[in-house]
Structures are given as C-alpha cells and as structure tokens.
C-alpha cells in the first residue's frame, strides 16, 4: 500500500505548500478552500529521491527517445506502462513550469 501524502498549490501566493494527511482520509475530497489546489503523491520517486506528485512533469529516455510527461492524475500512473520508473527525473510542475506543457505528451 502506498503512502498517502499531499501538497497544494496556493493560487494566491503562487507557491507549493505541504499538506497534512488526515489519518488516511482523502484530503482532496474534504478540501474546501478554493485558494488551494490539492495534489496527491503518486507513490513513486525519481532517480534523485524526489517524490512525484500529480501535475508534475517527469523526464525519461525510452528506447533512445527523450520524453516529457505530465502526470495529470494519480490514476494515470497505473496506465503508464511505458514509463521506466527507475530512470525518471522530476523537472517541474504545471504551475511553476507552464512552458513545459508545450513539450509534454
């Protein structure tokens, strides 16, 4: 079972902040402050040990082809069979690095 962790994008201050897991309950479902966008940890880390969250961009080289992938939703992880999770690097997120949207698949 994966660890449930969250962080949130503060829309007003434009910074990422940590969130506290409420005893295994989904913070996403209970979050009512519309100034924050909750993001869930996907249960994986990159090659540098950085935790990967929803709306992070990851970089990988697969069969000689470099790719930038946006983790849209925690459910995407299960469908991403072509990702070599042992060799990905977090290179940013949708809020702090919107320019990567053009390159992401």
C-alpha atoms as a PDB file:
ATOM      1  CA  UNK A   1       0.000   0.000   0.000  1.00  0.00           C
ATOM      2  CA  UNK A   2       1.384   3.398  -0.910  1.00  0.00           C
ATOM      3  CA  UNK A   3       1.877   6.266   1.466  1.00  0.00           C
ATOM      4  CA  UNK A   4      -0.781   8.997   1.296  1.00  0.00           C
ATOM      5  CA  UNK A   5       0.868  12.414   1.113  1.00  0.00           C
ATOM      6  CA  UNK A   6      -0.333  15.685  -0.298  1.00  0.00           C
ATOM      7  CA  UNK A   7       0.893  19.106  -1.212  1.00  0.00           C
ATOM      8  CA  UNK A   8      -1.080  22.059  -2.534  1.00  0.00           C
ATOM      9  CA  UNK A   9      -0.607  24.890  -4.968  1.00  0.00           C
ATOM     10  CA  UNK A  10      -1.505  28.181  -3.299  1.00  0.00           C
ATOM     11  CA  UNK A  11      -3.194  30.129  -6.109  1.00  0.00           C
ATOM     12  CA  UNK A  12      -2.974  33.441  -4.288  1.00  0.00           C
ATOM     13  CA  UNK A  13       0.686  33.346  -3.192  1.00  0.00           C
ATOM     14  CA  UNK A  14       1.789  31.169  -6.162  1.00  0.00           C
ATOM     15  CA  UNK A  15       3.800  28.720  -4.049  1.00  0.00           C
ATOM     16  CA  UNK A  16       3.670  24.984  -3.360  1.00  0.00           C
ATOM     17  CA  UNK A  17       2.935  24.067   0.262  1.00  0.00           C
ATOM     18  CA  UNK A  18       2.867  20.724   2.123  1.00  0.00           C
ATOM     19  CA  UNK A  19      -0.465  19.368   3.347  1.00  0.00           C
ATOM     20  CA  UNK A  20      -1.127  17.021   6.249  1.00  0.00           C
ATOM     21  CA  UNK A  21      -2.726  13.630   5.627  1.00  0.00           C
ATOM     22  CA  UNK A  22      -5.778  13.314   7.849  1.00  0.00           C
ATOM     23  CA  UNK A  23      -5.424   9.726   9.088  1.00  0.00           C
ATOM     24  CA  UNK A  24      -5.751   8.167   5.638  1.00  0.00           C
ATOM     25  CA  UNK A  25      -8.828  10.132   4.580  1.00  0.00           C
ATOM     26  CA  UNK A  26      -8.682  11.866   1.227  1.00  0.00           C
ATOM     27  CA  UNK A  27      -7.729  15.482   1.764  1.00  0.00           C
ATOM     28  CA  UNK A  28      -8.850  16.140  -1.821  1.00  0.00           C
ATOM     29  CA  UNK A  29     -12.480  15.303  -1.022  1.00  0.00           C
ATOM     30  CA  UNK A  30     -12.538  17.428   2.119  1.00  0.00           C
ATOM     31  CA  UNK A  31     -10.634  20.434   0.786  1.00  0.00           C
ATOM     32  CA  UNK A  32     -12.966  23.426   0.699  1.00  0.00           C
ATOM     33  CA  UNK A  33     -10.600  26.393   0.486  1.00  0.00           C
ATOM     34  CA  UNK A  34     -10.667  27.346  -3.184  1.00  0.00           C
ATOM     35  CA  UNK A  35      -7.354  29.215  -2.947  1.00  0.00           C
ATOM     36  CA  UNK A  36      -5.547  25.864  -2.921  1.00  0.00           C
ATOM     37  CA  UNK A  37      -5.277  23.018  -5.411  1.00  0.00           C
ATOM     38  CA  UNK A  38      -4.512  19.713  -3.604  1.00  0.00           C
ATOM     39  CA  UNK A  39      -2.053  17.341  -5.305  1.00  0.00           C
ATOM     40  CA  UNK A  40      -1.528  13.726  -4.283  1.00  0.00           C
ATOM     41  CA  UNK A  41       1.784  11.852  -4.062  1.00  0.00           C
ATOM     42  CA  UNK A  42       1.750   9.036  -6.633  1.00  0.00           C
ATOM     43  CA  UNK A  43       3.802   6.648  -4.512  1.00  0.00           C
ATOM     44  CA  UNK A  44       6.957   6.896  -6.634  1.00  0.00           C
ATOM     45  CA  UNK A  45      10.238   8.797  -6.519  1.00  0.00           C
ATOM     46  CA  UNK A  46      12.580   9.907  -9.282  1.00  0.00           C
ATOM     47  CA  UNK A  47      16.243   8.885  -9.605  1.00  0.00           C
ATOM     48  CA  UNK A  48      17.223  11.646  -7.161  1.00  0.00           C
ATOM     49  CA  UNK A  49      14.746  10.519  -4.495  1.00  0.00           C
ATOM     50  CA  UNK A  50      12.326  13.394  -5.191  1.00  0.00           C
ATOM     51  CA  UNK A  51       8.701  12.429  -4.615  1.00  0.00           C
ATOM     52  CA  UNK A  52       6.434  12.595  -7.663  1.00  0.00           C
ATOM     53  CA  UNK A  53       3.051  14.288  -7.277  1.00  0.00           C
ATOM     54  CA  UNK A  54       0.088  14.877  -9.546  1.00  0.00           C
ATOM     55  CA  UNK A  55       0.713  17.616 -12.130  1.00  0.00           C
ATOM     56  CA  UNK A  56       4.489  17.082 -12.006  1.00  0.00           C
ATOM     57  CA  UNK A  57       6.444  16.875 -15.231  1.00  0.00           C
ATOM     58  CA  UNK A  58       8.808  13.918 -15.485  1.00  0.00           C
ATOM     59  CA  UNK A  59      11.585  13.355 -18.000  1.00  0.00           C
ATOM     60  CA  UNK A  60      12.636   9.949 -19.274  1.00  0.00           C
ATOM     61  CA  UNK A  61      14.584   8.429 -22.127  1.00  0.00           C
ATOM     62  CA  UNK A  62      12.780   5.389 -23.508  1.00  0.00           C
ATOM     63  CA  UNK A  63      14.368   3.365 -26.328  1.00  0.00           C
ATOM     64  CA  UNK A  64      16.595   6.333 -27.184  1.00  0.00           C
ATOM     65  CA  UNK A  65      13.704   8.809 -27.322  1.00  0.00           C
ATOM     66  CA  UNK A  66      13.502  11.607 -24.766  1.00  0.00           C
ATOM     67  CA  UNK A  67      10.031  12.335 -23.404  1.00  0.00           C
ATOM     68  CA  UNK A  68       8.463  14.844 -21.059  1.00  0.00           C
ATOM     69  CA  UNK A  69       5.308  13.501 -19.434  1.00  0.00           C
ATOM     70  CA  UNK A  70       2.760  15.384 -17.334  1.00  0.00           C
ATOM     71  CA  UNK A  71       1.286  13.257 -14.539  1.00  0.00           C
ATOM     72  CA  UNK A  72      -2.290  14.517 -14.896  1.00  0.00           C
ATOM     73  CA  UNK A  73      -3.940  12.456 -12.190  1.00  0.00           C
ATOM     74  CA  UNK A  74      -2.905   9.727  -9.783  1.00  0.00           C
ATOM     75  CA  UNK A  75      -4.930   7.254 -11.863  1.00  0.00           C
ATOM     76  CA  UNK A  76      -2.661   7.978 -14.880  1.00  0.00           C
ATOM     77  CA  UNK A  77       0.211   6.195 -13.154  1.00  0.00           C
ATOM     78  CA  UNK A  78      -1.496   2.820 -13.473  1.00  0.00           C
ATOM     79  CA  UNK A  79      -1.958   3.336 -17.218  1.00  0.00           C
ATOM     80  CA  UNK A  80       1.634   4.459 -17.870  1.00  0.00           C
ATOM     81  CA  UNK A  81       3.118   1.055 -18.618  1.00  0.00           C
ATOM     82  CA  UNK A  82       5.819   2.567 -20.849  1.00  0.00           C
ATOM     83  CA  UNK A  83       7.398   4.608 -18.053  1.00  0.00           C
ATOM     84  CA  UNK A  84      10.718   3.319 -16.729  1.00  0.00           C
ATOM     85  CA  UNK A  85      10.127   4.493 -13.150  1.00  0.00           C
ATOM     86  CA  UNK A  86      13.715   3.660 -12.172  1.00  0.00           C
ATOM     87  CA  UNK A  87      15.051   6.286 -14.603  1.00  0.00           C
ATOM     88  CA  UNK A  88      12.697   9.275 -14.480  1.00  0.00           C
ATOM     89  CA  UNK A  89      13.535  12.751 -13.257  1.00  0.00           C
ATOM     90  CA  UNK A  90      11.069  15.349 -11.951  1.00  0.00           C
ATOM     91  CA  UNK A  91      11.716  18.509 -13.956  1.00  0.00           C
ATOM     92  CA  UNK A  92       8.943  20.750 -12.665  1.00  0.00           C
ATOM     93  CA  UNK A  93       5.199  21.052 -12.296  1.00  0.00           C
ATOM     94  CA  UNK A  94       2.294  22.555 -14.203  1.00  0.00           C
ATOM     95  CA  UNK A  95       2.099  25.677 -12.035  1.00  0.00           C
ATOM     96  CA  UNK A  96       5.748  26.695 -11.714  1.00  0.00           C
ATOM     97  CA  UNK A  97       6.779  25.500 -15.195  1.00  0.00           C
ATOM     98  CA  UNK A  98       3.809  26.049 -17.546  1.00  0.00           C
ATOM     99  CA  UNK A  99       6.169  26.335 -20.524  1.00  0.00           C
ATOM    100  CA  UNK A 100       6.704  22.551 -20.327  1.00  0.00           C
ATOM    101  CA  UNK A 101       3.073  21.952 -21.340  1.00  0.00           C
ATOM    102  CA  UNK A 102       4.075  22.502 -24.979  1.00  0.00           C
ATOM    103  CA  UNK A 103       6.611  19.680 -24.809  1.00  0.00           C
ATOM    104  CA  UNK A 104       4.678  17.200 -22.678  1.00  0.00           C
ATOM    105  CA  UNK A 105       2.819  14.219 -24.055  1.00  0.00           C
END
